[in-house]
C-alpha atoms as a PDB file:
ATOM      1  CA  MET A   1      16.029   1.285 -12.474  1.00  0.00           C
ATOM      2  CA  LYS A   2      18.172   4.095 -11.120  1.00  0.00           C
ATOM      3  CA  ALA A   3      20.465   3.941 -14.154  1.00  0.00           C
ATOM      4  CA  VAL A   4      17.508   4.146 -16.511  1.00  0.00           C
ATOM      5  CA  ALA A   5      15.928   6.958 -14.488  1.00  0.00           C
ATOM      6  CA  GLY A   6      19.017   9.108 -15.100  1.00  0.00           C
ATOM      7  CA  THR A   7      18.587   9.111 -18.860  1.00  0.00           C
ATOM      8  CA  PRO A   8      17.682  12.389 -20.582  1.00  0.00           C
ATOM      9  CA  ASP A   9      15.285  10.512 -22.891  1.00  0.00           C
ATOM     10  CA  LYS A  10      11.762  11.745 -22.035  1.00  0.00           C
ATOM     11  CA  LYS A  11      10.119   8.602 -23.447  1.00  0.00           C
ATOM     12  CA  VAL A  12      12.136   6.447 -21.051  1.00  0.00           C
ATOM     13  CA  LYS A  13      11.207   8.676 -18.102  1.00  0.00           C
ATOM     14  CA  VAL A  14       7.512   8.515 -19.002  1.00  0.00           C
ATOM     15  CA  ALA A  15       7.695   4.737 -19.436  1.00  0.00           C
ATOM     16  CA  LEU A  16       9.448   4.387 -16.080  1.00  0.00           C
ATOM     17  CA  ALA A  17       6.841   6.540 -14.318  1.00  0.00           C
ATOM     18  CA  ASP A  18       4.041   4.510 -15.901  1.00  0.00           C
ATOM     19  CA  PHE A  19       5.705   1.252 -14.890  1.00  0.00           C
ATOM     20  CA  GLU A  20       6.263   2.508 -11.329  1.00  0.00           C
ATOM     21  CA  ALA A  21       2.589   3.411 -10.923  1.00  0.00           C
ATOM     22  CA  LEU A  22       1.444   0.086 -12.402  1.00  0.00           C
ATOM     23  CA  PHE A  23       3.874  -1.927 -10.262  1.00  0.00           C
ATOM     24  CA  PHE A  24       3.061  -0.256  -6.928  1.00  0.00           C
ATOM     25  CA  ASN A  25      -0.672  -0.104  -7.620  1.00  0.00           C
ATOM     26  CA  ASN A  26      -0.480  -3.889  -8.010  1.00  0.00           C
ATOM     27  CA  MET A  27       1.614  -4.211  -4.863  1.00  0.00           C
ATOM     28  CA  ILE A  28      -1.242  -2.551  -2.949  1.00  0.00           C
ATOM     29  CA  LEU A  29      -3.453  -5.429  -4.066  1.00  0.00           C
ATOM     30  CA  VAL A  30      -0.891  -7.824  -2.565  1.00  0.00           C
ATOM     31  CA  LEU A  31      -0.773  -5.783   0.630  1.00  0.00           C
ATOM     32  CA  ASP A  32      -4.547  -5.927   0.969  1.00  0.00           C
ATOM     33  CA  ARG A  33      -4.381  -9.709   1.310  1.00  0.00           C
ATOM     34  CA  GLN A  34      -2.571  -9.111   4.650  1.00  0.00           C
ATOM     35  CA  ARG A  35      -5.583  -7.288   6.100  1.00  0.00           C
ATOM     36  CA  PHE A  36      -7.841  -8.746   8.758  1.00  0.00           C
ATOM     37  CA  ARG A  37     -11.522  -7.885   8.486  1.00  0.00           C
ATOM     38  CA  MET A  38     -11.960  -8.014  12.267  1.00  0.00           C
ATOM     39  CA  VAL A  39      -9.435  -5.237  12.935  1.00  0.00           C
ATOM     40  CA  THR A  40     -10.224  -2.723  10.232  1.00  0.00           C
ATOM     41  CA  GLY A  41     -13.129  -0.843  11.818  1.00  0.00           C
ATOM     42  CA  LYS A  42     -14.854   1.947   9.891  1.00  0.00           C
ATOM     43  CA  ASP A  43     -12.502   4.882  10.384  1.00  0.00           C
ATOM     44  CA  GLY A  44      -9.997   6.045   7.795  1.00  0.00           C
ATOM     45  CA  ASN A  45      -7.082   4.043   9.206  1.00  0.00           C
ATOM     46  CA  PRO A  46      -4.346   2.695   6.889  1.00  0.00           C
ATOM     47  CA  LEU A  47      -6.024  -0.731   6.707  1.00  0.00           C
ATOM     48  CA  ASN A  48      -9.198   0.830   5.362  1.00  0.00           C
ATOM     49  CA  GLU A  49      -7.274   3.195   3.113  1.00  0.00           C
ATOM     50  CA  VAL A  50      -5.649   0.149   1.483  1.00  0.00           C
ATOM     51  CA  GLU A  51      -9.077  -1.479   1.149  1.00  0.00           C
ATOM     52  CA  MET A  52     -10.468   1.603  -0.590  1.00  0.00           C
ATOM     53  CA  LEU A  53      -7.446   1.833  -2.885  1.00  0.00           C
ATOM     54  CA  CYS A  54      -7.768  -1.850  -3.823  1.00  0.00           C
ATOM     55  CA  ASP A  55     -11.484  -1.613  -4.423  1.00  0.00           C
ATOM     56  CA  SER A  56     -10.930   1.437  -6.618  1.00  0.00           C
ATOM     57  CA  LEU A  57      -8.090  -0.212  -8.556  1.00  0.00           C
ATOM     58  CA  MET A  58     -10.182  -3.308  -9.229  1.00  0.00           C
ATOM     59  CA  ASN A  59     -13.650  -1.814  -9.660  1.00  0.00           C
ATOM     60  CA  ASN A  60     -13.313   1.883 -10.490  1.00  0.00           C
ATOM     61  CA  ASN A  61     -10.630   2.045 -13.204  1.00  0.00           C
ATOM     62  CA  GLY A  62      -7.950   3.220 -10.771  1.00  0.00           C
ATOM     63  CA  ILE A  63      -9.927   6.266  -9.634  1.00  0.00           C
ATOM     64  CA  LEU A  64     -10.454   6.556  -5.867  1.00  0.00           C
ATOM     65  CA  GLY A  65     -14.097   5.793  -5.219  1.00  0.00           C
ATOM     66  CA  ASP A  66     -16.220   6.618  -2.200  1.00  0.00           C
ATOM     67  CA  SER A  67     -17.270   4.098   0.419  1.00  0.00           C
ATOM     68  CA  ASN A  68     -20.578   3.859   2.220  1.00  0.00           C
ATOM     69  CA  VAL A  69     -18.839   2.172   5.163  1.00  0.00           C
ATOM     70  CA  ILE A  70     -15.344   3.659   5.520  1.00  0.00           C
ATOM     71  CA  LYS A  71     -15.017   7.276   6.596  1.00  0.00           C
ATOM     72  CA  LEU A  72     -11.803   8.322   4.841  1.00  0.00           C
ATOM     73  CA  ILE A  73     -10.701  11.895   5.544  1.00  0.00           C
ATOM     74  CA  PRO A  74      -8.121  12.766   2.870  1.00  0.00           C
ATOM     75  CA  ASP A  75      -6.117  15.190   5.028  1.00  0.00           C
ATOM     76  CA  GLN A  76      -5.741  12.501   7.709  1.00  0.00           C
ATOM     77  CA  SER A  77      -4.941   9.667   5.287  1.00  0.00           C
ATOM     78  CA  ILE A  78      -1.518   8.435   4.228  1.00  0.00           C
ATOM     79  CA  MET A  79      -1.959   9.111   0.508  1.00  0.00           C
ATOM     80  CA  LYS A  80      -3.982  12.350   0.876  1.00  0.00           C
ATOM     81  CA  LEU A  81      -6.096  11.370  -2.149  1.00  0.00           C
ATOM     82  CA  ASN A  82      -9.551  12.838  -2.624  1.00  0.00           C
ATOM     83  CA  ILE A  83     -12.505  10.902  -4.005  1.00  0.00           C
ATOM     84  CA  GLY A  84     -12.151  11.026  -7.794  1.00  0.00           C
ATOM     85  CA  ASP A  85      -8.344  11.269  -7.799  1.00  0.00           C
ATOM     86  CA  PRO A  86      -6.400   8.785  -9.954  1.00  0.00           C
ATOM     87  CA  ILE A  87      -4.345   6.228  -8.030  1.00  0.00           C
ATOM     88  CA  ARG A  88      -0.702   6.267  -9.215  1.00  0.00           C
ATOM     89  CA  LEU A  89       1.519   5.061  -6.406  1.00  0.00           C
ATOM     90  CA  THR A  90       5.272   5.584  -6.371  1.00  0.00           C
ATOM     91  CA  ALA A  91       7.842   3.548  -4.464  1.00  0.00           C
ATOM     92  CA  GLY A  92       7.823   6.200  -1.721  1.00  0.00           C
ATOM     93  CA  ASP A  93       4.019   6.156  -1.535  1.00  0.00           C
ATOM     94  CA  PHE A  94       4.006   2.379  -1.229  1.00  0.00           C
ATOM     95  CA  GLU A  95       6.674   2.412   1.459  1.00  0.00           C
ATOM     96  CA  ARG A  96       4.769   4.996   3.556  1.00  0.00           C
ATOM     97  CA  LEU A  97       1.464   3.197   3.121  1.00  0.00           C
ATOM     98  CA  SER A  98       2.794  -0.311   3.825  1.00  0.00           C
ATOM     99  CA  THR A  99       4.671   0.922   6.923  1.00  0.00           C
ATOM    100  CA  ALA A 100       1.507   2.552   8.283  1.00  0.00           C
ATOM    101  CA  PHE A 101      -0.525  -0.511   7.312  1.00  0.00           C
ATOM    102  CA  PHE A 102       1.640  -2.942   9.287  1.00  0.00           C
ATOM    103  CA  ALA A 103       1.905  -0.500  12.206  1.00  0.00           C
ATOM    104  CA  GLU A 104      -1.906  -0.408  12.365  1.00  0.00           C
ATOM    105  CA  ILE A 105      -2.045  -4.215  12.455  1.00  0.00           C
ATOM    106  CA  ALA A 106       0.466  -4.200  15.324  1.00  0.00           C
ATOM    107  CA  ARG A 107      -1.500  -1.487  17.152  1.00  0.00           C
ATOM    108  CA  ALA A 108      -4.745  -3.404  16.726  1.00  0.00           C
ATOM    109  CA  ASP A 109      -3.055  -6.528  18.061  1.00  0.00           C
ATOM    110  CA  ARG A 110      -1.763  -4.675  21.139  1.00  0.00           C
ATOM    111  CA  CYS A 111      -5.238  -3.254  21.756  1.00  0.00           C
ATOM    112  CA  GLY A 112      -6.743  -6.739  21.574  1.00  0.00           C
ATOM    113  CA  ARG A 113      -8.800  -6.122  18.443  1.00  0.00           C
ATOM    114  CA  ASN A 114      -6.992  -8.888  16.597  1.00  0.00           C
ATOM    115  CA  ARG A 115      -8.224 -12.163  18.035  1.00  0.00           C
ATOM    116  CA  SER A 116      -6.475 -14.199  15.359  1.00  0.00           C
ATOM    117  CA  ARG A 117      -3.452 -16.266  16.369  1.00  0.00           C
ATOM    118  CA  ARG A 118      -1.647 -15.457  13.143  1.00  0.00           C
ATOM    119  CA  PHE A 119      -0.489 -12.634  10.913  1.00  0.00           C
ATOM    120  CA  SER A 120      -1.232 -14.126   7.503  1.00  0.00           C
ATOM    121  CA  GLY A 121       0.354 -17.483   8.219  1.00  0.00           C
ATOM    122  CA  ARG A 122       3.227 -16.105  10.259  1.00  0.00           C
ATOM    123  CA  ASP A 123       3.672 -16.574  13.981  1.00  0.00           C
ATOM    124  CA  ARG A 124       2.272 -13.633  15.993  1.00  0.00           C
ATOM    125  CA  ARG A 125       5.622 -13.145  17.724  1.00  0.00           C
ATOM    126  CA  GLN A 126       7.115 -12.013  14.444  1.00  0.00           C
ATOM    127  CA  GLU A 127       7.208  -8.351  13.625  1.00  0.00           C
ATOM    128  CA  PRO A 128       4.122  -7.556  11.520  1.00  0.00           C
ATOM    129  CA  GLY A 129       6.145  -5.421   9.088  1.00  0.00           C
ATOM    130  CA  SER A 130       7.236  -7.059   5.887  1.00  0.00           C
ATOM    131  CA  SER A 131      10.904  -7.188   4.964  1.00  0.00           C
ATOM    132  CA  THR A 132       9.862  -8.596   1.584  1.00  0.00           C
ATOM    133  CA  MET A 133       7.815  -5.451   0.883  1.00  0.00           C
ATOM    134  CA  ARG A 134      10.835  -3.332   1.843  1.00  0.00           C
ATOM    135  CA  GLN A 135      13.065  -5.396  -0.471  1.00  0.00           C
ATOM    136  CA  ILE A 136      10.638  -4.801  -3.324  1.00  0.00           C
ATOM    137  CA  VAL A 137      10.755  -1.052  -2.771  1.00  0.00           C
ATOM    138  CA  LEU A 138      14.555  -1.066  -2.561  1.00  0.00           C
ATOM    139  CA  ALA A 139      14.863  -3.250  -5.648  1.00  0.00           C
ATOM    140  CA  PHE A 140      12.681  -0.848  -7.587  1.00  0.00           C
ATOM    141  CA  GLU A 141      14.391   2.316  -6.354  1.00  0.00           C
ATOM    142  CA  PHE A 142      17.982   1.154  -6.601  1.00  0.00           C
ATOM    143  CA  GLY A 143      17.887  -1.534  -9.253  1.00  0.00           C
ATOM    144  CA  ASN A 144      19.160  -4.152  -6.801  1.00  0.00           C
ATOM    145  CA  GLU A 145      18.317  -7.806  -7.136  1.00  0.00           C
ATOM    146  CA  MET A 146      15.767  -8.899  -4.527  1.00  0.00           C
ATOM    147  CA  TYR A 147      17.368 -12.267  -3.984  1.00  0.00           C
END
């Protein structure tokens, strides 16, 4: 990807930007499957931000929609998107959001809000961050093979 990104061809740069947004918007949908309903609460934490992004990607044509339940404050959110903004995530956006997302799961677990014995099929003793998600970001940014 990095080699292609260095091209002076504007069509290639536009295509790469479009692909990046499509790829990382879809990765947010994958990330949402890691969320636990019992720990999300109603504030604008990263877990709920991911939920709102996913709902908007699936049901609002990729435009950030409002929620009657979640109180998202754009200036305090990871993505800083306002209601009505298009969702076009970059590799950097996804990395920031997924890091905050897994940190919130870990925080909720330490506070006792997560009564589950598992993090999405993994043993609780494992770090809740996802090395696979990091590999995906690195593969996209640097053109490396994931495996």
